[in-house]
Amino acid sequence: MKSYLHQYKFLQDVALANVFAEEIRLLFEKREGIVVPIPMHPDKLLTRTFAQVDELLKSAGVRFQHLLAKTETAEQGKKSKKERLEASPLFKVTGKVEAKTYILFDDIYTTGTTMHHAAKVLKEAGADRVEAITLIKG
């Protein structure tokens, strides 16, 4: 599964989103909440040409809302776990957050730092509960 994800993300094989569609559909099947994809940094979006997390959700027919934007320019993948945990907030809230349940979604879970930072800003903005789902733990 990791090799497919690598091909999808880095070799820009967008059609592979359909390979993951059923699994993603099952992950969200019994969950209730507002799905919030982890956003890409705008510079990375320019080089990759597509938002891989958005495309995964679209292929599975999962509705989502963009409520977060990246604030950090350094890539998390190039930092140590300690550096990731000590980083300044990685996200800012860009939409209205109510006292509801939000479900963060990302393609891969490495150290949990991305999800931690995203959940923190949603909670600070008024979210009642924040859950997280990832396609792959890596």
N, C-alpha and C. Protein backbone atom coordinates (compact mmCIF):
# COMPACT_ATOMS: atom_id res chain seq x y z
N MET A 1 0.82 -1.19 0.00
CA MET A 1 0.00 0.00 0.00
C MET A 1 0.87 1.26 0.00
N LYS A 2 2.01 1.22 0.74
CA LYS A 2 2.89 2.38 0.78
C LYS A 2 3.45 2.70 -0.60
N SER A 3 3.77 1.67 -1.37
CA SER A 3 4.33 1.92 -2.71
C SER A 3 3.29 2.58 -3.62
N TYR A 4 2.04 2.17 -3.49
CA TYR A 4 0.97 2.82 -4.27
C TYR A 4 0.82 4.29 -3.86
N LEU A 5 0.89 4.53 -2.55
CA LEU A 5 0.76 5.91 -2.07
C LEU A 5 1.92 6.76 -2.58
N HIS A 6 3.12 6.21 -2.57
CA HIS A 6 4.28 6.93 -3.09
C HIS A 6 4.09 7.25 -4.58
N GLN A 7 3.65 6.27 -5.35
CA GLN A 7 3.41 6.49 -6.78
C GLN A 7 2.33 7.56 -6.98
N TYR A 8 1.30 7.49 -6.16
CA TYR A 8 0.20 8.45 -6.24
C TYR A 8 0.68 9.87 -5.95
N LYS A 9 1.38 10.04 -4.83
CA LYS A 9 1.79 11.37 -4.39
C LYS A 9 2.93 11.95 -5.21
N PHE A 10 4.01 11.19 -5.34
CA PHE A 10 5.24 11.75 -5.87
C PHE A 10 5.43 11.55 -7.36
N LEU A 11 4.77 10.55 -7.93
CA LEU A 11 4.84 10.36 -9.37
C LEU A 11 3.58 10.90 -10.05
N GLN A 12 2.74 11.53 -9.25
CA GLN A 12 1.53 12.22 -9.71
C GLN A 12 0.58 11.32 -10.50
N ASP A 13 0.44 10.11 -10.03
CA ASP A 13 -0.48 9.16 -10.66
C ASP A 13 -1.85 9.30 -9.99
N VAL A 14 -2.55 10.37 -10.34
CA VAL A 14 -3.81 10.74 -9.69
C VAL A 14 -4.87 9.65 -9.83
N ALA A 15 -4.81 8.87 -10.89
CA ALA A 15 -5.79 7.80 -11.09
C ALA A 15 -5.74 6.78 -9.95
N LEU A 16 -4.62 6.68 -9.26
CA LEU A 16 -4.51 5.73 -8.15
C LEU A 16 -5.41 6.09 -6.97
N ALA A 17 -5.94 7.29 -6.94
CA ALA A 17 -6.87 7.66 -5.86
C ALA A 17 -8.02 6.67 -5.82
N ASN A 18 -8.41 6.18 -6.98
CA ASN A 18 -9.52 5.22 -7.05
C ASN A 18 -9.17 3.88 -6.39
N VAL A 19 -7.88 3.53 -6.36
CA VAL A 19 -7.45 2.29 -5.71
C VAL A 19 -7.76 2.34 -4.22
N PHE A 20 -7.65 3.52 -3.63
CA PHE A 20 -7.86 3.69 -2.20
C PHE A 20 -9.31 4.02 -1.84
N ALA A 21 -10.15 4.26 -2.83
CA ALA A 21 -11.50 4.78 -2.59
C ALA A 21 -12.34 3.91 -1.65
N GLU A 22 -12.38 2.62 -1.88
CA GLU A 22 -13.22 1.75 -1.05
C GLU A 22 -12.74 1.71 0.39
N GLU A 23 -11.43 1.63 0.56
CA GLU A 23 -10.88 1.61 1.93
C GLU A 23 -11.21 2.92 2.66
N ILE A 24 -11.10 4.03 1.97
CA ILE A 24 -11.42 5.32 2.59
C ILE A 24 -12.90 5.40 2.91
N ARG A 25 -13.73 4.93 2.00
CA ARG A 25 -15.18 4.92 2.24
C ARG A 25 -15.49 4.14 3.52
N LEU A 26 -14.85 2.99 3.70
CA LEU A 26 -15.07 2.17 4.89
C LEU A 26 -14.57 2.86 6.16
N LEU A 27 -13.46 3.59 6.06
CA LEU A 27 -12.94 4.31 7.22
C LEU A 27 -13.94 5.35 7.74
N PHE A 28 -14.69 5.96 6.83
CA PHE A 28 -15.62 7.02 7.20
C PHE A 28 -17.06 6.54 7.37
N GLU A 29 -17.33 5.31 7.00
CA GLU A 29 -18.70 4.79 6.94
C GLU A 29 -19.52 5.04 8.21
N LYS A 30 -18.97 4.79 9.36
CA LYS A 30 -19.75 4.91 10.60
C LYS A 30 -19.32 6.11 11.44
N ARG A 31 -18.61 7.03 10.85
CA ARG A 31 -18.15 8.22 11.56
C ARG A 31 -19.10 9.38 11.29
N GLU A 32 -19.34 10.15 12.32
CA GLU A 32 -20.14 11.36 12.16
C GLU A 32 -19.30 12.56 12.55
N GLY A 33 -19.28 13.54 11.69
CA GLY A 33 -18.52 14.75 11.95
C GLY A 33 -18.20 15.44 10.65
N ILE A 34 -17.60 16.59 10.78
CA ILE A 34 -17.20 17.38 9.63
C ILE A 34 -15.77 16.98 9.26
N VAL A 35 -15.60 16.47 8.06
CA VAL A 35 -14.29 16.00 7.61
C VAL A 35 -13.45 17.19 7.15
N VAL A 36 -12.25 17.27 7.70
CA VAL A 36 -11.32 18.36 7.38
C VAL A 36 -10.02 17.74 6.88
N PRO A 37 -9.71 17.92 5.59
CA PRO A 37 -8.44 17.38 5.08
C PRO A 37 -7.26 18.21 5.58
N ILE A 38 -6.15 17.54 5.82
CA ILE A 38 -4.92 18.25 6.16
C ILE A 38 -4.43 18.91 4.87
N PRO A 39 -4.26 20.24 4.91
CA PRO A 39 -3.90 20.95 3.68
C PRO A 39 -2.42 20.85 3.34
N MET A 40 -2.14 21.08 2.08
CA MET A 40 -0.76 21.16 1.60
C MET A 40 -0.32 22.61 1.69
N HIS A 41 0.98 22.81 1.77
CA HIS A 41 1.51 24.16 1.67
C HIS A 41 1.30 24.61 0.21
N PRO A 42 0.90 25.87 -0.01
CA PRO A 42 0.65 26.34 -1.39
C PRO A 42 1.82 26.12 -2.35
N ASP A 43 3.05 26.27 -1.85
CA ASP A 43 4.22 26.06 -2.72
C ASP A 43 4.32 24.60 -3.17
N LYS A 44 4.00 23.68 -2.26
CA LYS A 44 4.05 22.26 -2.60
C LYS A 44 2.95 21.91 -3.59
N LEU A 45 1.80 22.57 -3.44
CA LEU A 45 0.70 22.34 -4.37
C LEU A 45 1.10 22.74 -5.79
N LEU A 46 1.86 23.81 -5.92
CA LEU A 46 2.32 24.23 -7.25
C LEU A 46 3.22 23.19 -7.90
N THR A 47 4.09 22.57 -7.11
CA THR A 47 5.00 21.58 -7.69
C THR A 47 4.33 20.23 -7.91
N ARG A 48 3.40 19.87 -7.02
CA ARG A 48 2.74 18.56 -7.16
C ARG A 48 1.56 18.63 -8.12
N THR A 49 0.95 19.77 -8.26
CA THR A 49 -0.18 20.07 -9.16
C THR A 49 -1.53 19.54 -8.72
N PHE A 50 -1.60 18.78 -7.64
CA PHE A 50 -2.89 18.35 -7.12
C PHE A 50 -2.78 18.14 -5.61
N ALA A 51 -3.89 18.35 -4.93
CA ALA A 51 -3.93 18.15 -3.48
C ALA A 51 -4.31 16.70 -3.21
N GLN A 52 -3.32 15.88 -2.88
CA GLN A 52 -3.53 14.44 -2.80
C GLN A 52 -4.59 14.03 -1.79
N VAL A 53 -4.67 14.70 -0.66
CA VAL A 53 -5.66 14.32 0.36
C VAL A 53 -7.07 14.64 -0.14
N ASP A 54 -7.24 15.79 -0.77
CA ASP A 54 -8.55 16.15 -1.34
C ASP A 54 -8.99 15.12 -2.39
N GLU A 55 -8.06 14.74 -3.26
CA GLU A 55 -8.39 13.78 -4.32
C GLU A 55 -8.78 12.42 -3.75
N LEU A 56 -8.13 12.01 -2.67
CA LEU A 56 -8.49 10.74 -2.03
C LEU A 56 -9.93 10.79 -1.51
N LEU A 57 -10.27 11.89 -0.85
CA LEU A 57 -11.63 12.03 -0.32
C LEU A 57 -12.66 12.11 -1.44
N LYS A 58 -12.35 12.85 -2.49
CA LYS A 58 -13.27 12.96 -3.64
C LYS A 58 -13.51 11.60 -4.28
N SER A 59 -12.43 10.82 -4.45
CA SER A 59 -12.57 9.51 -5.09
C SER A 59 -13.46 8.58 -4.28
N ALA A 60 -13.49 8.77 -2.96
CA ALA A 60 -14.31 7.93 -2.08
C ALA A 60 -15.70 8.50 -1.87
N GLY A 61 -15.96 9.68 -2.42
CA GLY A 61 -17.27 10.30 -2.26
C GLY A 61 -17.51 10.85 -0.86
N VAL A 62 -16.43 11.22 -0.17
CA VAL A 62 -16.53 11.76 1.19
C VAL A 62 -16.56 13.28 1.11
N ARG A 63 -17.61 13.87 1.67
CA ARG A 63 -17.71 15.34 1.69
C ARG A 63 -16.75 15.90 2.72
N PHE A 64 -16.18 17.06 2.42
CA PHE A 64 -15.22 17.66 3.34
C PHE A 64 -15.27 19.18 3.25
N GLN A 65 -14.67 19.81 4.26
CA GLN A 65 -14.58 21.27 4.30
C GLN A 65 -13.13 21.67 4.56
N HIS A 66 -12.68 22.69 3.84
CA HIS A 66 -11.35 23.24 4.10
C HIS A 66 -11.48 24.26 5.22
N LEU A 67 -10.90 23.96 6.36
CA LEU A 67 -10.94 24.87 7.50
C LEU A 67 -9.55 25.24 8.00
N LEU A 68 -8.52 24.65 7.39
CA LEU A 68 -7.15 24.89 7.83
C LEU A 68 -6.26 25.31 6.67
N ALA A 69 -5.23 26.09 6.99
CA ALA A 69 -4.20 26.45 6.02
C ALA A 69 -2.84 26.27 6.69
N LYS A 70 -1.85 25.91 5.92
CA LYS A 70 -0.49 25.73 6.45
C LYS A 70 0.11 27.09 6.81
N THR A 71 0.88 27.12 7.90
CA THR A 71 1.61 28.33 8.27
C THR A 71 3.11 28.11 8.22
N GLU A 72 3.54 26.88 8.31
CA GLU A 72 4.96 26.52 8.38
C GLU A 72 5.48 26.23 6.98
N THR A 73 6.66 26.75 6.65
CA THR A 73 7.20 26.50 5.32
C THR A 73 8.13 25.29 5.27
N ALA A 74 8.81 24.98 6.37
CA ALA A 74 9.72 23.82 6.36
C ALA A 74 8.92 22.53 6.34
N GLU A 75 9.38 21.59 5.54
CA GLU A 75 8.67 20.31 5.43
C GLU A 75 8.86 19.50 6.70
N GLN A 76 7.77 18.93 7.19
CA GLN A 76 7.83 18.11 8.40
C GLN A 76 8.68 16.87 8.18
N GLY A 77 8.64 16.31 6.99
CA GLY A 77 9.36 15.08 6.70
C GLY A 77 10.87 15.21 6.84
N LYS A 78 11.38 16.43 6.83
CA LYS A 78 12.82 16.64 6.93
C LYS A 78 13.26 17.00 8.35
N LYS A 79 12.33 16.99 9.30
CA LYS A 79 12.64 17.33 10.68
C LYS A 79 12.67 16.08 11.55
N SER A 80 13.42 16.18 12.65
CA SER A 80 13.41 15.08 13.62
C SER A 80 12.08 15.14 14.38
N LYS A 81 11.76 14.07 15.09
CA LYS A 81 10.52 14.05 15.88
C LYS A 81 10.53 15.18 16.90
N LYS A 82 11.67 15.41 17.54
CA LYS A 82 11.78 16.49 18.54
C LYS A 82 11.51 17.85 17.88
N GLU A 83 12.10 18.08 16.72
CA GLU A 83 11.89 19.35 16.01
C GLU A 83 10.43 19.52 15.61
N ARG A 84 9.79 18.44 15.21
CA ARG A 84 8.39 18.50 14.82
C ARG A 84 7.51 18.89 15.99
N LEU A 85 7.76 18.26 17.14
CA LEU A 85 6.93 18.53 18.32
C LEU A 85 7.12 19.94 18.85
N GLU A 86 8.32 20.49 18.67
CA GLU A 86 8.62 21.83 19.18
C GLU A 86 8.30 22.94 18.18
N ALA A 87 7.87 22.58 17.00
CA ALA A 87 7.61 23.57 15.95
C ALA A 87 6.48 24.52 16.35
N SER A 88 6.54 25.72 15.81
CA SER A 88 5.45 26.66 16.02
C SER A 88 4.21 26.10 15.33
N PRO A 89 3.03 26.66 15.60
CA PRO A 89 1.81 26.10 14.99
C PRO A 89 1.95 25.94 13.48
N LEU A 90 1.57 24.77 13.00
CA LEU A 90 1.70 24.46 11.58
C LEU A 90 0.50 24.93 10.78
N PHE A 91 -0.61 25.24 11.47
CA PHE A 91 -1.86 25.56 10.79
C PHE A 91 -2.52 26.79 11.39
N LYS A 92 -3.36 27.40 10.57
CA LYS A 92 -4.26 28.44 11.06
C LYS A 92 -5.66 28.07 10.57
N VAL A 93 -6.65 28.49 11.32
CA VAL A 93 -8.04 28.22 10.96
C VAL A 93 -8.48 29.25 9.92
N THR A 94 -9.14 28.79 8.86
CA THR A 94 -9.55 29.68 7.78
C THR A 94 -11.07 29.77 7.61
N GLY A 95 -11.80 29.04 8.43
CA GLY A 95 -13.26 29.04 8.33
C GLY A 95 -13.89 29.04 9.70
N LYS A 96 -15.20 29.02 9.72
CA LYS A 96 -15.94 29.04 10.98
C LYS A 96 -15.92 27.65 11.62
N VAL A 97 -15.48 27.60 12.86
CA VAL A 97 -15.44 26.35 13.62
C VAL A 97 -16.48 26.46 14.73
N GLU A 98 -17.41 25.50 14.74
CA GLU A 98 -18.46 25.48 15.75
C GLU A 98 -18.20 24.37 16.76
N ALA A 99 -19.01 24.33 17.80
CA ALA A 99 -18.88 23.30 18.84
C ALA A 99 -19.45 21.98 18.32
N LYS A 100 -18.74 21.38 17.38
CA LYS A 100 -19.15 20.13 16.74
C LYS A 100 -17.96 19.18 16.70
N THR A 101 -18.19 17.99 16.15
CA THR A 101 -17.11 17.01 15.97
C THR A 101 -16.48 17.20 14.59
N TYR A 102 -15.17 17.22 14.57
CA TYR A 102 -14.41 17.36 13.33
C TYR A 102 -13.52 16.13 13.18
N ILE A 103 -13.39 15.66 11.94
CA ILE A 103 -12.56 14.49 11.66
C ILE A 103 -11.46 14.91 10.70
N LEU A 104 -10.24 14.96 11.20
CA LEU A 104 -9.10 15.29 10.37
C LEU A 104 -8.74 14.08 9.51
N PHE A 105 -8.34 14.34 8.27
CA PHE A 105 -7.92 13.24 7.39
C PHE A 105 -6.61 13.60 6.72
N ASP A 106 -5.68 12.64 6.75
CA ASP A 106 -4.41 12.79 6.04
C ASP A 106 -4.05 11.45 5.41
N ASP A 107 -3.16 11.49 4.45
CA ASP A 107 -2.80 10.25 3.77
C ASP A 107 -1.91 9.35 4.61
N ILE A 108 -0.99 9.93 5.38
CA ILE A 108 -0.06 9.11 6.14
C ILE A 108 0.18 9.69 7.53
N TYR A 109 0.30 8.81 8.51
CA TYR A 109 0.58 9.19 9.90
C TYR A 109 1.99 8.73 10.20
N THR A 110 2.87 9.67 10.53
CA THR A 110 4.25 9.31 10.83
C THR A 110 4.51 9.44 12.33
N THR A 111 4.60 10.67 12.83
CA THR A 111 4.84 10.87 14.26
C THR A 111 3.60 11.36 15.00
N GLY A 112 2.60 11.80 14.26
CA GLY A 112 1.40 12.35 14.88
C GLY A 112 1.44 13.85 15.07
N THR A 113 2.57 14.47 14.75
CA THR A 113 2.73 15.91 14.96
C THR A 113 1.74 16.72 14.13
N THR A 114 1.57 16.36 12.87
CA THR A 114 0.65 17.10 12.00
C THR A 114 -0.76 17.07 12.58
N MET A 115 -1.22 15.89 12.94
CA MET A 115 -2.57 15.76 13.51
C MET A 115 -2.69 16.51 14.83
N HIS A 116 -1.65 16.43 15.65
CA HIS A 116 -1.67 17.12 16.95
C HIS A 116 -1.85 18.62 16.75
N HIS A 117 -1.04 19.20 15.86
CA HIS A 117 -1.12 20.64 15.61
C HIS A 117 -2.47 21.03 15.02
N ALA A 118 -2.97 20.25 14.08
CA ALA A 118 -4.26 20.56 13.46
C ALA A 118 -5.39 20.46 14.48
N ALA A 119 -5.38 19.42 15.29
CA ALA A 119 -6.43 19.25 16.31
C ALA A 119 -6.39 20.39 17.31
N LYS A 120 -5.20 20.79 17.69
CA LYS A 120 -5.05 21.87 18.67
C LYS A 120 -5.68 23.17 18.19
N VAL A 121 -5.41 23.56 16.94
CA VAL A 121 -5.98 24.83 16.46
C VAL A 121 -7.49 24.74 16.29
N LEU A 122 -8.01 23.57 15.90
CA LEU A 122 -9.47 23.41 15.80
C LEU A 122 -10.12 23.50 17.17
N LYS A 123 -9.51 22.86 18.17
CA LYS A 123 -10.06 22.93 19.54
C LYS A 123 -10.01 24.36 20.06
N GLU A 124 -8.92 25.05 19.82
CA GLU A 124 -8.78 26.44 20.27
C GLU A 124 -9.80 27.34 19.58
N ALA A 125 -10.22 26.97 18.37
CA ALA A 125 -11.19 27.77 17.62
C ALA A 125 -12.63 27.43 17.99
N GLY A 126 -12.83 26.40 18.84
CA GLY A 126 -14.18 26.10 19.30
C GLY A 126 -14.71 24.72 19.01
N ALA A 127 -13.92 23.85 18.39
CA ALA A 127 -14.39 22.48 18.12
C ALA A 127 -14.67 21.77 19.44
N ASP A 128 -15.76 21.01 19.47
CA ASP A 128 -16.12 20.24 20.65
C ASP A 128 -15.23 19.00 20.76
N ARG A 129 -15.02 18.34 19.63
CA ARG A 129 -14.25 17.09 19.60
C ARG A 129 -13.52 17.03 18.26
N VAL A 130 -12.29 16.51 18.28
CA VAL A 130 -11.52 16.35 17.05
C VAL A 130 -10.98 14.92 17.01
N GLU A 131 -11.31 14.22 15.94
CA GLU A 131 -10.83 12.86 15.70
C GLU A 131 -9.88 12.90 14.50
N ALA A 132 -9.16 11.82 14.29
CA ALA A 132 -8.23 11.78 13.16
C ALA A 132 -8.29 10.42 12.47
N ILE A 133 -8.21 10.45 11.16
CA ILE A 133 -8.15 9.24 10.35
C ILE A 133 -7.02 9.42 9.34
N THR A 134 -6.21 8.38 9.18
CA THR A 134 -5.19 8.38 8.13
C THR A 134 -5.32 7.09 7.33
N LEU A 135 -4.89 7.17 6.10
CA LEU A 135 -4.94 6.01 5.23
C LEU A 135 -3.88 4.98 5.62
N ILE A 136 -2.67 5.47 5.91
CA ILE A 136 -1.54 4.60 6.20
C ILE A 136 -0.80 5.11 7.43
N LYS A 137 -0.35 4.19 8.26
CA LYS A 137 0.54 4.56 9.37
C LYS A 137 1.94 4.21 8.92
N GLY A 138 2.81 5.22 8.90
CA GLY A 138 4.10 4.95 8.32
C GLY A 138 5.25 5.38 9.11
